[in-house]
N, C-alpha and C. Protein backbone atom coordinates (compact mmCIF):
# COMPACT_ATOMS: atom_id res chain seq x y z
N MET A 1 8.10 -11.41 -14.53
CA MET A 1 7.96 -10.34 -14.59
C MET A 1 7.82 -9.94 -13.35
N LYS A 2 8.79 -8.58 -13.00
CA LYS A 2 8.50 -8.21 -11.58
C LYS A 2 7.94 -6.84 -12.17
N MET A 3 6.97 -6.25 -10.96
CA MET A 3 6.31 -4.75 -10.85
C MET A 3 6.29 -4.47 -9.87
N ARG A 4 7.24 -3.37 -9.23
CA ARG A 4 7.63 -2.97 -8.52
C ARG A 4 6.40 -1.34 -8.30
N VAL A 5 5.55 -1.07 -7.36
CA VAL A 5 4.68 -0.50 -6.58
C VAL A 5 4.93 0.29 -5.64
N LYS A 6 4.91 1.57 -5.44
CA LYS A 6 5.31 2.28 -4.30
C LYS A 6 4.28 3.33 -4.34
N PRO A 7 3.82 3.56 -2.49
CA PRO A 7 2.54 4.47 -2.58
C PRO A 7 3.31 6.03 -2.99
N SER A 8 2.27 6.97 -3.26
CA SER A 8 2.51 8.31 -3.74
C SER A 8 2.56 9.29 -2.54
N GLN A 9 3.27 9.98 -2.88
CA GLN A 9 3.52 11.08 -1.82
C GLN A 9 2.36 12.04 -1.56
N TRP A 10 1.67 11.93 -2.97
CA TRP A 10 0.11 12.46 -2.41
C TRP A 10 -0.54 12.30 -0.93
N ALA A 11 -0.11 11.15 -0.44
CA ALA A 11 -1.11 10.37 0.34
C ALA A 11 -0.73 11.47 1.54
N ASN A 12 0.36 11.76 1.61
CA ASN A 12 0.80 12.66 2.88
C ASN A 12 0.72 14.62 2.76
N ILE A 13 -0.05 14.74 1.79
CA ILE A 13 -0.52 15.81 1.21
C ILE A 13 -1.05 17.03 2.88
N LEU A 14 -1.83 16.48 3.22
CA LEU A 14 -2.07 16.76 4.64
C LEU A 14 -1.03 17.31 5.35
N TRP A 15 -0.47 16.52 5.99
CA TRP A 15 1.35 16.74 6.39
C TRP A 15 2.11 17.64 5.94
N PHE A 16 2.02 17.62 4.36
CA PHE A 16 3.01 18.63 3.99
C PHE A 16 2.18 20.44 3.96
N ILE A 17 0.99 20.34 3.92
CA ILE A 17 0.72 21.03 4.04
C ILE A 17 0.75 22.10 5.66
N LEU A 18 0.83 21.26 6.42
CA LEU A 18 0.84 21.61 8.15
C LEU A 18 2.28 21.85 8.22
N ALA A 19 3.24 21.16 7.50
CA ALA A 19 4.35 21.30 7.65
C ALA A 19 4.84 22.94 6.95
N ILE A 20 4.34 23.10 5.99
CA ILE A 20 4.88 24.65 5.44
C ILE A 20 4.38 25.71 6.52
N ILE A 21 3.59 25.21 6.81
CA ILE A 21 2.19 26.46 7.95
C ILE A 21 3.42 26.32 9.29
N GLY A 22 3.66 24.91 9.73
CA GLY A 22 4.82 25.28 10.84
C GLY A 22 6.00 25.61 10.73
N ALA A 23 6.24 25.63 9.59
CA ALA A 23 7.71 26.29 9.55
C ALA A 23 7.66 27.90 9.33
N GLY A 24 7.14 27.98 8.83
CA GLY A 24 6.44 29.76 8.50
C GLY A 24 5.85 30.35 10.38
N GLN A 25 5.39 29.57 11.22
CA GLN A 25 4.81 29.62 12.33
C GLN A 25 5.90 29.36 13.16
N PHE A 26 6.79 28.74 12.77
CA PHE A 26 7.86 28.57 13.88
C PHE A 26 9.09 29.66 13.71
N SER A 27 9.37 29.71 12.68
CA SER A 27 10.20 31.26 12.21
C SER A 27 9.96 32.70 12.51
N TYR A 28 8.25 32.58 12.79
CA TYR A 28 7.52 33.92 13.09
C TYR A 28 7.80 33.68 14.55
N THR A 29 7.11 32.20 15.19
CA THR A 29 6.90 32.59 16.98
C THR A 29 8.24 31.90 17.65
N GLY A 30 9.09 31.35 17.08
CA GLY A 30 9.96 30.28 17.81
C GLY A 30 9.65 29.30 18.66
N GLN A 31 7.69 28.92 18.41
CA GLN A 31 7.70 27.75 19.47
C GLN A 31 8.09 26.33 18.60
N TYR A 32 8.69 25.16 19.52
CA TYR A 32 8.90 24.31 19.10
C TYR A 32 7.59 23.14 18.20
N PHE A 33 6.45 23.52 19.28
CA PHE A 33 5.50 22.69 18.15
C PHE A 33 5.17 22.63 17.07
N TYR A 34 5.65 23.87 16.01
CA TYR A 34 5.39 23.88 14.99
C TYR A 34 6.75 22.94 14.37
N LEU A 35 7.92 23.33 15.11
CA LEU A 35 9.08 22.60 14.04
C LEU A 35 8.85 20.86 14.51
N LEU A 36 8.13 20.39 15.57
CA LEU A 36 7.93 18.67 15.58
C LEU A 36 6.88 18.88 14.19
N LEU A 37 5.86 19.55 14.04
CA LEU A 37 5.56 19.29 13.03
C LEU A 37 6.07 19.22 11.58
N VAL A 38 7.11 19.85 11.48
CA VAL A 38 7.90 19.85 10.33
C VAL A 38 8.64 18.37 10.65
N ILE A 39 9.25 17.76 11.79
CA ILE A 39 9.71 17.10 11.70
C ILE A 39 9.00 15.57 11.54
N TRP A 40 7.70 15.69 12.13
CA TRP A 40 6.96 14.39 11.64
C TRP A 40 6.76 14.17 10.29
N TRP A 41 6.13 15.58 9.53
CA TRP A 41 6.33 15.57 7.66
C TRP A 41 7.65 14.82 7.56
N LEU A 42 8.54 15.15 7.89
CA LEU A 42 9.83 14.19 7.26
C LEU A 42 9.69 12.85 7.60
N TRP A 43 9.37 12.28 8.80
CA TRP A 43 8.84 11.19 9.16
C TRP A 43 8.26 10.07 8.45
N LYS A 44 7.03 10.79 8.24
CA LYS A 44 6.04 10.52 6.99
C LYS A 44 6.25 9.94 5.89
N PHE A 45 6.60 11.13 5.21
CA PHE A 45 7.65 11.46 3.60
C PHE A 45 8.83 10.25 3.99
N ALA A 46 9.43 9.53 4.63
CA ALA A 46 10.37 8.67 5.04
C ALA A 46 9.34 7.17 5.14
N VAL A 47 8.76 7.42 5.25
CA VAL A 47 7.42 6.23 5.67
C VAL A 47 7.23 5.62 4.43
N ILE A 48 6.55 6.61 3.52
CA ILE A 48 6.08 6.46 2.10
C ILE A 48 7.52 5.66 1.61
N GLU A 49 8.21 6.54 1.02
CA GLU A 49 9.85 5.97 0.81
C GLU A 49 10.17 4.46 0.76
N CYS A 50 10.11 4.32 1.78
CA CYS A 50 10.55 2.99 2.43
C CYS A 50 9.76 1.89 2.20
N TRP A 51 8.14 2.06 1.69
CA TRP A 51 7.26 1.36 1.32
C TRP A 51 6.93 0.51 0.28
N VAL A 52 7.11 -0.33 -0.36
CA VAL A 52 7.17 -1.00 -1.62
C VAL A 52 6.58 -2.23 -1.67
N PHE A 53 5.90 -2.22 -2.73
CA PHE A 53 4.94 -3.93 -2.96
C PHE A 53 5.69 -4.05 -4.37
N ILE A 54 6.10 -5.05 -4.20
CA ILE A 54 6.57 -6.41 -5.50
C ILE A 54 5.50 -7.52 -5.79
N PHE A 55 4.90 -7.31 -7.17
CA PHE A 55 4.24 -8.20 -7.80
C PHE A 55 5.46 -9.01 -8.81
N ASP A 56 5.30 -9.77 -8.00
CA ASP A 56 6.09 -11.14 -9.19
C ASP A 56 5.98 -12.68 -9.58
N GLU A 57 5.63 -12.86 -10.68
CA GLU A 57 5.00 -13.66 -11.66
C GLU A 57 5.89 -14.93 -11.05
N ASN A 58 6.98 -14.71 -11.51
CA ASN A 58 8.18 -16.06 -11.28
C ASN A 58 7.79 -16.93 -9.69
N SER A 59 7.75 -15.99 -8.56
CA SER A 59 7.97 -16.36 -7.29
C SER A 59 6.81 -16.76 -7.10
N GLU A 60 5.49 -16.55 -7.88
CA GLU A 60 3.96 -16.85 -7.37
C GLU A 60 3.45 -16.02 -5.56
N THR A 61 4.11 -14.82 -5.85
CA THR A 61 4.16 -13.93 -4.35
C THR A 61 3.76 -12.75 -5.12
N ILE A 62 3.19 -12.01 -3.84
CA ILE A 62 3.05 -10.62 -3.47
C ILE A 62 3.66 -10.24 -2.45
N VAL A 63 5.03 -9.28 -2.73
CA VAL A 63 5.66 -8.88 -1.30
C VAL A 63 5.89 -6.96 -0.79
N GLU A 64 5.16 -7.55 0.47
CA GLU A 64 5.46 -6.13 0.73
C GLU A 64 6.40 -5.79 1.73
N ARG A 65 7.31 -4.55 1.43
CA ARG A 65 8.38 -4.23 2.40
C ARG A 65 8.01 -3.01 2.61
N LYS A 66 7.74 -2.93 4.10
CA LYS A 66 7.88 -1.51 5.12
C LYS A 66 8.59 -1.26 5.96
N GLY A 67 9.39 -0.39 5.94
CA GLY A 67 9.46 0.31 7.42
C GLY A 67 10.86 1.34 7.51
N VAL A 68 10.91 2.28 8.40
CA VAL A 68 12.09 2.67 8.34
C VAL A 68 13.20 2.15 8.79
N PHE A 69 13.27 1.81 10.24
CA PHE A 69 14.14 1.31 11.24
C PHE A 69 13.61 -0.20 11.48
N TYR A 70 12.47 -0.24 11.57
CA TYR A 70 12.55 -1.83 11.78
C TYR A 70 11.56 -2.06 10.23
N VAL A 71 12.22 -3.14 9.57
CA VAL A 71 11.43 -3.19 8.39
C VAL A 71 11.10 -5.21 8.36
N ARG A 72 9.54 -4.68 8.06
CA ARG A 72 8.78 -5.59 8.27
C ARG A 72 8.68 -5.92 6.43
N LYS A 73 8.38 -7.29 5.92
CA LYS A 73 8.34 -7.88 4.95
C LYS A 73 7.58 -9.07 4.80
N VAL A 74 6.29 -9.02 4.42
CA VAL A 74 5.15 -10.43 4.14
C VAL A 74 5.07 -10.49 2.33
N GLU A 75 5.03 -12.12 2.38
CA GLU A 75 4.63 -12.65 1.04
C GLU A 75 2.91 -13.21 1.33
N ILE A 76 2.76 -12.57 0.47
CA ILE A 76 1.49 -13.51 -0.04
C ILE A 76 1.45 -14.46 -1.35
N GLN A 77 1.22 -15.56 -1.55
CA GLN A 77 1.00 -16.64 -2.39
C GLN A 77 -0.20 -15.62 -3.47
N TYR A 78 -0.03 -15.84 -4.69
CA TYR A 78 -1.36 -15.52 -5.56
C TYR A 78 -2.38 -16.26 -5.30
N PHE A 79 -2.20 -17.98 -5.16
CA PHE A 79 -3.19 -18.51 -5.20
C PHE A 79 -3.89 -18.18 -3.80
N ARG A 80 -3.74 -17.33 -2.66
CA ARG A 80 -4.49 -17.46 -1.57
C ARG A 80 -5.04 -16.12 -1.80
N ILE A 81 -5.32 -15.55 -2.88
CA ILE A 81 -6.13 -14.16 -2.79
C ILE A 81 -7.49 -14.86 -3.38
N LYS A 82 -8.68 -13.80 -2.16
CA LYS A 82 -9.58 -14.73 -2.35
C LYS A 82 -10.46 -13.24 -2.94
N SER A 83 -10.32 -11.85 -2.90
CA SER A 83 -11.46 -11.02 -3.18
C SER A 83 -9.97 -9.72 -3.27
N ILE A 84 -10.98 -9.13 -4.60
CA ILE A 84 -9.82 -7.48 -4.84
C ILE A 84 -11.15 -7.10 -4.68
N ARG A 85 -10.64 -5.42 -3.99
CA ARG A 85 -11.54 -4.00 -4.18
C ARG A 85 -10.97 -3.08 -4.50
N VAL A 86 -10.87 -2.45 -5.46
CA VAL A 86 -10.17 -0.80 -6.04
C VAL A 86 -11.21 -0.03 -5.47
N MET A 87 -10.81 1.01 -4.69
CA MET A 87 -11.21 2.08 -3.96
C MET A 87 -10.96 3.15 -4.58
N LYS A 88 -11.33 4.26 -5.51
CA LYS A 88 -10.89 5.52 -4.94
C LYS A 88 -11.86 6.68 -4.71
N PRO A 89 -11.02 7.01 -3.39
CA PRO A 89 -12.24 8.36 -2.89
C PRO A 89 -11.60 9.21 -3.71
N LEU A 90 -12.48 10.41 -3.75
CA LEU A 90 -12.12 11.67 -3.90
C LEU A 90 -11.21 12.33 -4.35
N TRP A 91 -10.44 12.28 -2.92
CA TRP A 91 -9.07 13.01 -2.50
C TRP A 91 -8.43 12.48 -3.77
N GLN A 92 -8.12 11.10 -4.03
CA GLN A 92 -7.23 10.71 -4.48
C GLN A 92 -7.30 10.35 -6.39
N ARG A 93 -8.92 10.69 -6.61
CA ARG A 93 -9.40 10.57 -7.90
C ARG A 93 -8.71 11.87 -8.40
N ILE A 94 -8.53 13.18 -7.97
CA ILE A 94 -8.17 14.17 -7.87
C ILE A 94 -6.82 14.32 -8.17
N PHE A 95 -6.28 13.41 -8.23
CA PHE A 95 -4.23 13.12 -8.31
C PHE A 95 -4.22 11.87 -9.30
N GLY A 96 -5.66 11.16 -9.37
CA GLY A 96 -4.77 9.77 -10.36
C GLY A 96 -4.99 9.17 -9.73
N LEU A 97 -4.88 8.80 -8.07
CA LEU A 97 -4.92 7.60 -7.81
C LEU A 97 -5.86 6.89 -7.22
N SER A 98 -5.54 5.72 -6.54
CA SER A 98 -6.34 4.48 -5.97
C SER A 98 -5.77 3.77 -4.76
N THR A 99 -6.72 3.05 -4.02
CA THR A 99 -6.38 2.09 -3.27
C THR A 99 -6.83 0.74 -3.67
N VAL A 100 -6.27 -0.37 -3.96
CA VAL A 100 -6.73 -1.62 -4.15
C VAL A 100 -5.91 -2.62 -2.73
N GLN A 101 -7.38 -2.76 -2.23
CA GLN A 101 -7.63 -4.08 -1.26
C GLN A 101 -7.84 -5.47 -1.45
N ILE A 102 -6.71 -6.22 -0.72
CA ILE A 102 -6.81 -7.69 -1.17
C ILE A 102 -6.88 -8.54 -0.45
N ILE A 103 -8.01 -9.13 -0.05
CA ILE A 103 -8.64 -10.38 0.52
C ILE A 103 -8.33 -11.18 0.67
N THR A 104 -7.46 -12.09 1.48
CA THR A 104 -6.58 -13.46 1.12
C THR A 104 -6.97 -14.29 2.44
N SER A 105 -6.40 -15.36 1.93
CA SER A 105 -6.70 -16.76 3.47
C SER A 105 -5.34 -16.75 3.57
N GLU A 106 -4.50 -16.30 3.75
CA GLU A 106 -3.27 -15.84 4.35
C GLU A 106 -3.09 -15.31 5.92
N PRO A 107 -2.72 -16.54 6.75
CA PRO A 107 -2.92 -16.34 8.28
C PRO A 107 -2.26 -15.41 9.17
N PHE A 108 -0.91 -14.85 8.60
CA PHE A 108 -0.27 -13.40 8.79
C PHE A 108 -0.89 -12.16 8.17
N LYS A 109 -1.92 -12.35 7.31
CA LYS A 109 -1.96 -11.12 6.60
C LYS A 109 -2.84 -11.65 5.45
N PRO A 110 -4.26 -10.99 6.40
CA PRO A 110 -5.80 -11.44 5.63
C PRO A 110 -6.38 -10.43 4.75
N PHE A 111 -5.63 -9.17 4.94
CA PHE A 111 -5.78 -8.04 3.77
C PHE A 111 -4.65 -7.67 4.19
N LEU A 112 -4.53 -7.32 2.54
CA LEU A 112 -3.69 -6.69 2.05
C LEU A 112 -3.83 -5.04 1.17
N THR A 113 -3.67 -3.78 1.97
CA THR A 113 -3.87 -2.59 1.34
C THR A 113 -2.90 -2.61 0.57
N VAL A 114 -2.82 -1.74 -1.16
CA VAL A 114 -2.06 -1.41 -1.65
C VAL A 114 -2.73 0.19 -1.41
N TYR A 115 -1.64 0.94 -0.99
CA TYR A 115 -2.46 2.72 -0.74
C TYR A 115 -1.59 3.47 -1.86
N ALA A 116 -2.91 3.98 -2.42
CA ALA A 116 -2.41 5.91 -3.01
C ALA A 116 -1.09 5.16 -3.76
N ILE A 117 -2.00 3.84 -4.98
CA ILE A 117 -1.06 4.14 -6.27
C ILE A 117 -1.72 4.29 -7.61
N SER A 118 -0.75 4.79 -8.51
CA SER A 118 -1.80 5.70 -9.74
C SER A 118 -2.04 4.04 -10.74
N ASN A 119 -1.83 3.49 -10.49
CA ASN A 119 -2.03 2.07 -11.43
C ASN A 119 -2.85 0.82 -10.55
N GLY A 120 -4.10 1.20 -10.24
CA GLY A 120 -5.01 0.30 -9.61
C GLY A 120 -5.32 -0.84 -9.94
N GLU A 121 -6.23 0.27 -10.89
CA GLU A 121 -6.78 -1.21 -11.88
C GLU A 121 -6.38 -2.16 -12.62
N GLU A 122 -4.83 -1.66 -12.99
CA GLU A 122 -4.31 -2.42 -13.69
C GLU A 122 -3.07 -3.84 -12.49
N ILE A 123 -3.04 -2.98 -11.42
CA ILE A 123 -2.71 -4.40 -10.41
C ILE A 123 -3.80 -5.21 -10.17
N ALA A 124 -5.35 -4.22 -9.97
CA ALA A 124 -6.15 -5.40 -9.22
C ALA A 124 -6.14 -6.68 -10.27
N ARG A 125 -6.42 -6.06 -11.97
CA ARG A 125 -6.40 -6.78 -12.88
C ARG A 125 -5.37 -8.13 -13.14
N HIS A 126 -3.58 -7.55 -12.82
CA HIS A 126 -2.55 -8.42 -12.31
C HIS A 126 -3.17 -9.38 -11.88
N CYS A 127 -3.57 -9.25 -10.14
CA CYS A 127 -3.86 -9.86 -9.27
C CYS A 127 -4.87 -10.73 -9.34
N LYS A 128 -5.84 -10.89 -10.00
CA LYS A 128 -6.98 -11.85 -10.54
C LYS A 128 -6.13 -12.48 -11.36
N GLU A 129 -6.07 -12.65 -12.37
CA GLU A 129 -5.14 -12.95 -13.74
C GLU A 129 -4.16 -14.30 -12.54
N MET A 130 -3.12 -13.30 -12.05
CA MET A 130 -2.29 -14.31 -11.56
C MET A 130 -2.97 -15.37 -10.24
N ALA A 131 -3.80 -15.05 -9.61
CA ALA A 131 -4.53 -16.09 -8.84
C ALA A 131 -5.01 -17.23 -9.25
N VAL A 132 -6.19 -16.79 -10.53
CA VAL A 132 -6.39 -17.39 -11.49
C VAL A 132 -5.31 -18.85 -12.12
N TYR A 133 -4.46 -18.40 -12.73
CA TYR A 133 -3.31 -18.94 -13.12
C TYR A 133 -2.71 -19.67 -12.10
N TRP A 134 -2.29 -18.92 -11.33
CA TRP A 134 -1.31 -20.19 -10.45
C TRP A 134 -2.31 -21.11 -9.18
N ARG A 135 -3.74 -20.72 -9.15
CA ARG A 135 -4.71 -21.87 -8.56
C ARG A 135 -4.78 -23.17 -9.68
N GLN A 136 -4.56 -22.52 -10.70
CA GLN A 136 -4.37 -24.26 -12.09
C GLN A 136 -3.57 -24.93 -12.18
N GLN A 137 -2.51 -23.71 -11.77
CA GLN A 137 -1.10 -24.60 -12.08
C GLN A 137 -0.99 -25.77 -10.19
N LYS A 138 -1.36 -24.77 -9.27
CA LYS A 138 -1.26 -26.17 -8.40
C LYS A 138 -2.15 -26.55 -8.01
N GLY A 139 -3.20 -26.58 -8.68
CA GLY A 139 -4.57 -27.54 -8.40
C GLY A 139 -5.27 -26.78 -7.17
N VAL A 140 -5.39 -26.11 -6.95
CA VAL A 140 -5.74 -25.44 -5.57
C VAL A 140 -7.40 -25.04 -6.04
N LYS A 141 -8.09 -25.67 -4.84
CA LYS A 141 -9.76 -25.31 -5.15
C LYS A 141 -9.69 -24.44 -3.84
N GLU A 142 -10.54 -23.06 -3.79
CA GLU A 142 -11.05 -22.48 -3.23
C GLU A 142 -12.61 -23.19 -2.36
N THR A 143 -12.08 -22.91 -0.88
CA THR A 143 -13.13 -23.33 -0.33
C THR A 143 -13.26 -22.44 1.02
N ASP A 144 -14.62 -22.04 1.45
CA ASP A 144 -14.68 -21.10 2.35
C ASP A 144 -15.89 -21.96 3.29
N PHE A 145 -15.52 -21.59 4.45
CA PHE A 145 -15.68 -22.10 5.52
C PHE A 145 -16.34 -20.90 6.48
N HIS A 146 -18.01 -20.66 6.99
CA HIS A 146 -18.82 -19.52 7.27
C HIS A 146 -18.48 -20.23 8.32
N HIS A 147 -18.88 -19.67 9.84
CA HIS A 147 -19.29 -19.56 11.01
C HIS A 147 -21.07 -19.48 11.00
N PHE A 148 -21.53 -20.23 11.57
CA PHE A 148 -23.25 -20.11 11.43
C PHE A 148 -23.94 -20.33 12.94
């Protein structure tokens, strides 16, 4: 089963409000600074639209694909998940969103933040279940080494 999750455009609400104000001010004053606000919001909109997380049980990985012109793809194996935290700041709770932080033992991506999604609790539960399942399947034991 594959789950595709995209961050919500509600993450850009402040930029959207500034762009609306900027569009009105540009038409009134003709200053190009306000036009830049609108262009910046369009860029932020495109960044969120091109950002996707794929949770795939069959391939044992979580894939983050991010980027408009320069696309970056990061894969994290479920058995490398160490800890999961679900955060719901006030402004995200208003819109029914949450942020899931996944701490991994992956050398290139020790932290994965699934930002402004609507089903954060479900994603966190799914990742925990898959981490336990794939550790058992591969016979992997979690060992931590701390600096003293």
